[in-house]
N, C-alpha and C. Protein backbone atom coordinates (compact mmCIF):
# COMPACT_ATOMS: atom_id res chain seq x y z
N MET A 1 1.22 -0.88 0.22
CA MET A 1 -0.12 -0.26 -0.14
C MET A 1 0.74 1.26 0.02
N THR A 2 0.49 2.24 -0.95
CA THR A 2 1.56 3.43 -0.37
C THR A 2 0.17 4.58 0.02
N THR A 3 0.97 5.56 0.55
CA THR A 3 0.49 6.83 1.22
C THR A 3 0.62 8.23 0.87
N GLY A 4 -0.35 8.64 0.36
CA GLY A 4 -0.59 9.93 0.37
C GLY A 4 0.46 10.30 -0.82
N ALA A 5 -0.07 12.08 -1.43
CA ALA A 5 0.68 12.25 -2.51
C ALA A 5 1.62 13.05 -2.19
N PHE A 6 3.32 13.00 -2.52
CA PHE A 6 4.19 13.77 -2.17
C PHE A 6 4.24 15.47 -2.06
N THR A 7 4.41 16.06 -1.57
CA THR A 7 4.53 17.71 -1.86
C THR A 7 5.99 18.39 -1.49
N THR A 8 6.51 18.57 -0.17
CA THR A 8 7.80 17.92 0.01
C THR A 8 8.14 16.66 0.78
N TRP A 9 10.32 16.98 0.80
CA TRP A 9 10.36 16.32 1.43
C TRP A 9 9.86 16.32 3.29
N SER A 10 10.41 17.61 3.64
CA SER A 10 9.56 17.91 4.98
C SER A 10 8.35 17.40 5.74
N ASP A 11 7.25 17.43 4.57
CA ASP A 11 5.72 16.71 4.49
C ASP A 11 5.91 15.34 4.49
N LEU A 12 7.05 14.85 3.60
CA LEU A 12 7.56 12.95 3.45
C LEU A 12 7.56 12.87 4.67
N ALA A 13 8.94 13.33 5.06
CA ALA A 13 9.59 13.22 6.44
C ALA A 13 8.67 13.37 7.77
N ARG A 14 7.35 14.01 8.28
CA ARG A 14 6.50 14.26 9.11
C ARG A 14 5.90 13.20 8.43
N THR A 15 4.95 12.65 7.37
CA THR A 15 4.22 11.46 7.80
C THR A 15 5.35 10.41 7.64
N MET A 16 6.34 10.19 7.40
CA MET A 16 6.90 8.86 8.16
C MET A 16 7.03 9.32 9.40
N GLN A 17 7.85 9.77 10.19
CA GLN A 17 7.69 10.38 11.28
C GLN A 17 6.39 9.85 11.99
N ASP A 18 5.15 10.14 11.65
CA ASP A 18 3.93 10.01 12.21
C ASP A 18 3.53 8.46 11.70
N ASP A 19 4.42 7.77 10.68
CA ASP A 19 4.10 6.25 10.64
C ASP A 19 3.98 5.19 11.89
N LEU A 20 5.70 6.33 11.66
CA LEU A 20 6.71 4.81 13.00
C LEU A 20 5.83 5.44 14.37
N ALA A 21 5.97 6.54 14.53
CA ALA A 21 4.77 6.55 16.10
C ALA A 21 3.43 6.05 16.40
N SER A 22 3.04 6.10 15.42
CA SER A 22 1.76 5.13 14.96
C SER A 22 1.43 3.58 14.61
N GLY A 23 2.61 3.41 14.36
CA GLY A 23 2.75 1.86 14.12
C GLY A 23 2.42 1.66 12.60
N ASN A 24 1.65 2.67 12.03
CA ASN A 24 1.34 2.41 10.73
C ASN A 24 2.81 1.89 9.74
N TRP A 25 3.43 2.30 9.98
CA TRP A 25 5.08 1.30 9.22
C TRP A 25 4.68 -0.19 8.75
N ARG A 26 3.94 -0.32 9.62
CA ARG A 26 3.79 -1.93 8.99
C ARG A 26 3.46 -1.92 7.87
N THR A 27 2.29 -1.67 7.97
CA THR A 27 1.12 -1.72 7.02
C THR A 27 1.60 -0.83 5.35
N VAL A 28 2.35 0.62 5.61
CA VAL A 28 2.12 1.05 4.42
C VAL A 28 3.41 0.60 3.54
N HIS A 29 3.99 0.51 3.52
CA HIS A 29 5.41 -0.69 2.89
C HIS A 29 6.31 0.95 1.45
N SER A 30 4.86 1.73 0.84
CA SER A 30 5.82 1.80 0.58
C SER A 30 5.36 3.97 -0.05
N TYR A 31 6.26 4.54 -0.02
CA TYR A 31 5.97 6.35 -0.30
C TYR A 31 5.93 6.15 -1.66
N SER A 32 4.86 7.53 -2.22
CA SER A 32 5.26 7.91 -3.78
C SER A 32 6.09 9.61 -3.66
N VAL A 33 7.01 9.94 -4.42
CA VAL A 33 7.87 10.55 -4.62
C VAL A 33 7.69 11.52 -6.08
N GLY A 34 7.22 12.35 -6.30
CA GLY A 34 6.78 12.85 -7.65
C GLY A 34 8.19 14.10 -7.69
N GLY A 35 8.02 14.95 -8.73
CA GLY A 35 8.74 15.86 -9.37
C GLY A 35 9.55 15.14 -10.78
N PRO A 36 10.51 15.94 -11.01
CA PRO A 36 10.74 15.80 -12.44
C PRO A 36 11.03 14.30 -13.00
N ALA A 37 11.04 13.06 -11.96
CA ALA A 37 11.87 12.21 -11.81
C ALA A 37 10.46 10.93 -10.66
N PRO A 38 9.60 10.96 -10.98
CA PRO A 38 8.44 10.33 -9.78
C PRO A 38 9.12 8.37 -9.82
N CYS A 39 9.52 8.85 -8.25
CA CYS A 39 9.42 7.41 -8.13
C CYS A 39 8.86 6.77 -6.94
N THR A 40 8.61 5.28 -6.35
CA THR A 40 7.66 4.93 -5.40
C THR A 40 9.23 4.54 -4.75
N LEU A 41 9.07 4.75 -3.03
CA LEU A 41 10.49 4.25 -2.55
C LEU A 41 9.83 3.48 -1.51
N GLN A 42 10.24 1.78 -1.30
CA GLN A 42 9.11 0.61 -0.64
C GLN A 42 10.49 -0.16 0.67
N TYR A 43 10.03 -0.22 1.42
CA TYR A 43 10.63 -0.63 2.75
C TYR A 43 10.18 -1.94 2.41
N ARG A 44 10.51 -3.25 3.19
CA ARG A 44 10.16 -4.40 4.19
C ARG A 44 10.15 -4.64 5.15
N SER A 45 11.33 -3.82 5.99
CA SER A 45 11.34 -4.30 7.68
C SER A 45 11.75 -3.02 8.02
N LEU A 46 11.84 -2.96 9.47
CA LEU A 46 12.25 -1.73 10.39
C LEU A 46 13.31 -1.03 10.11
N PRO A 47 14.46 -1.67 10.19
CA PRO A 47 15.83 -1.36 9.74
C PRO A 47 15.68 -0.60 8.23
N GLU A 48 14.81 -0.95 7.14
CA GLU A 48 14.44 -0.49 5.91
C GLU A 48 14.22 0.77 5.84
N PHE A 49 13.12 0.52 6.48
CA PHE A 49 12.00 1.94 6.99
C PHE A 49 13.17 3.08 7.68
N MET A 50 13.79 2.76 8.76
CA MET A 50 14.96 3.50 9.31
C MET A 50 15.35 4.50 8.26
N ALA A 51 16.50 3.57 7.47
CA ALA A 51 17.37 4.13 6.56
C ALA A 51 16.03 5.23 5.68
N LEU A 52 15.27 4.67 5.41
CA LEU A 52 14.61 5.37 4.34
C LEU A 52 14.41 6.68 5.11
N LEU A 53 13.73 6.41 6.13
CA LEU A 53 13.66 7.98 7.43
C LEU A 53 15.40 8.77 7.12
N ALA A 54 15.82 8.34 7.54
CA ALA A 54 17.14 9.10 7.39
C ALA A 54 17.79 9.25 6.05
N MET A 55 17.54 8.89 5.42
CA MET A 55 17.49 9.27 3.61
C MET A 55 16.39 11.10 3.15
N VAL A 56 15.55 10.75 3.77
CA VAL A 56 14.01 11.85 3.64
C VAL A 56 14.26 12.97 4.31
N GLU A 57 15.00 12.64 5.50
CA GLU A 57 14.97 13.95 6.23
C GLU A 57 16.18 14.61 5.93
N ALA A 58 17.29 13.89 5.45
CA ALA A 58 18.96 14.32 5.01
C ALA A 58 18.05 15.22 3.84
N ARG A 59 17.28 14.94 3.17
CA ARG A 59 16.31 15.83 1.73
C ARG A 59 16.10 16.87 2.28
N ALA A 60 14.48 16.59 3.62
CA ALA A 60 14.14 17.71 3.73
C ALA A 60 15.39 18.49 4.47
N ALA A 61 16.51 18.67 5.07
CA ALA A 61 16.91 19.47 5.70
C ALA A 61 17.64 20.02 4.67
N GLN A 62 18.45 19.28 3.48
CA GLN A 62 18.63 20.47 2.54
C GLN A 62 17.83 21.00 1.34
N GLU A 63 16.18 20.97 1.74
CA GLU A 63 14.96 21.59 1.35
C GLU A 63 14.95 23.06 1.70
N SER A 64 15.20 22.98 3.53
CA SER A 64 14.95 23.93 4.34
C SER A 64 16.39 24.86 3.83
N ALA A 65 17.54 24.68 3.38
CA ALA A 65 18.71 24.96 3.06
C ALA A 65 18.68 26.54 2.72
N PRO A 66 19.30 27.73 2.94
CA PRO A 66 18.78 29.37 2.52
C PRO A 66 19.35 28.91 1.16
N ASP A 67 20.24 28.09 0.66
CA ASP A 67 20.05 28.40 -0.61
C ASP A 67 20.13 27.05 -1.79
N PHE A 68 19.04 26.91 -0.91
CA PHE A 68 17.75 25.69 -1.60
C PHE A 68 17.29 26.54 -3.23
N ASN A 69 17.69 25.48 -4.66
CA ASN A 69 17.30 25.51 -5.75
C ASN A 69 15.73 25.53 -6.25
N GLY A 70 14.99 24.32 -5.27
CA GLY A 70 13.71 24.05 -5.56
C GLY A 70 13.85 22.79 -6.04
N GLN A 71 14.99 22.39 -6.47
CA GLN A 71 14.96 20.56 -6.63
C GLN A 71 16.18 20.10 -5.90
N LEU A 72 15.54 18.61 -6.12
CA LEU A 72 16.09 17.48 -4.97
C LEU A 72 16.05 15.91 -5.67
N MET A 73 16.43 15.50 -6.11
CA MET A 73 17.03 14.37 -6.82
C MET A 73 17.01 13.01 -6.13
N VAL A 74 15.73 11.72 -6.60
CA VAL A 74 15.85 10.30 -5.79
C VAL A 74 17.29 10.58 -5.88
N VAL A 75 18.26 10.01 -5.28
CA VAL A 75 19.21 9.01 -5.82
C VAL A 75 19.32 8.17 -4.39
N THR A 76 19.28 6.95 -4.80
CA THR A 76 19.96 5.77 -3.06
C THR A 76 20.64 4.99 -4.06
N ARG A 77 21.02 3.95 -3.02
CA ARG A 77 21.85 3.18 -3.36
C ARG A 77 21.55 1.80 -3.13
N GLY A 78 20.30 1.86 -3.89
CA GLY A 78 19.59 0.13 -4.13
C GLY A 78 18.96 0.33 -2.75
N GLY A 79 18.02 -1.06 -2.74
CA GLY A 79 16.97 -1.20 -1.73
C GLY A 79 15.36 -0.67 -1.18
N PHE A 80 15.78 0.45 -1.82
CA PHE A 80 14.57 1.68 -2.18
C PHE A 80 13.39 1.50 -2.89
C-alpha cells in the first residue's frame, strides 16, 4: 500500500515520523515521490524503513537550507 501524494521532503519526513510513532509503518510499505523523476520508495522491514527515513530527513534538511534551488533528485544506493 502506498500513502499520500508527495509535496515536499519535509512533509514526507513528517508523514513517515507519524507512521513510525503510530505503528503504521507496518502496513504502508511504500511512499510515492513526485517531481521531475517520480518514483516509489519501498521498504520491507523496520531497518529499511529507518534507513529510508534517514534519507528523507536528509533531503528535508537540504530543502530547508537557505541556498535551496527548488529541486532534489532521488538517488539511492539500492534497496528502496
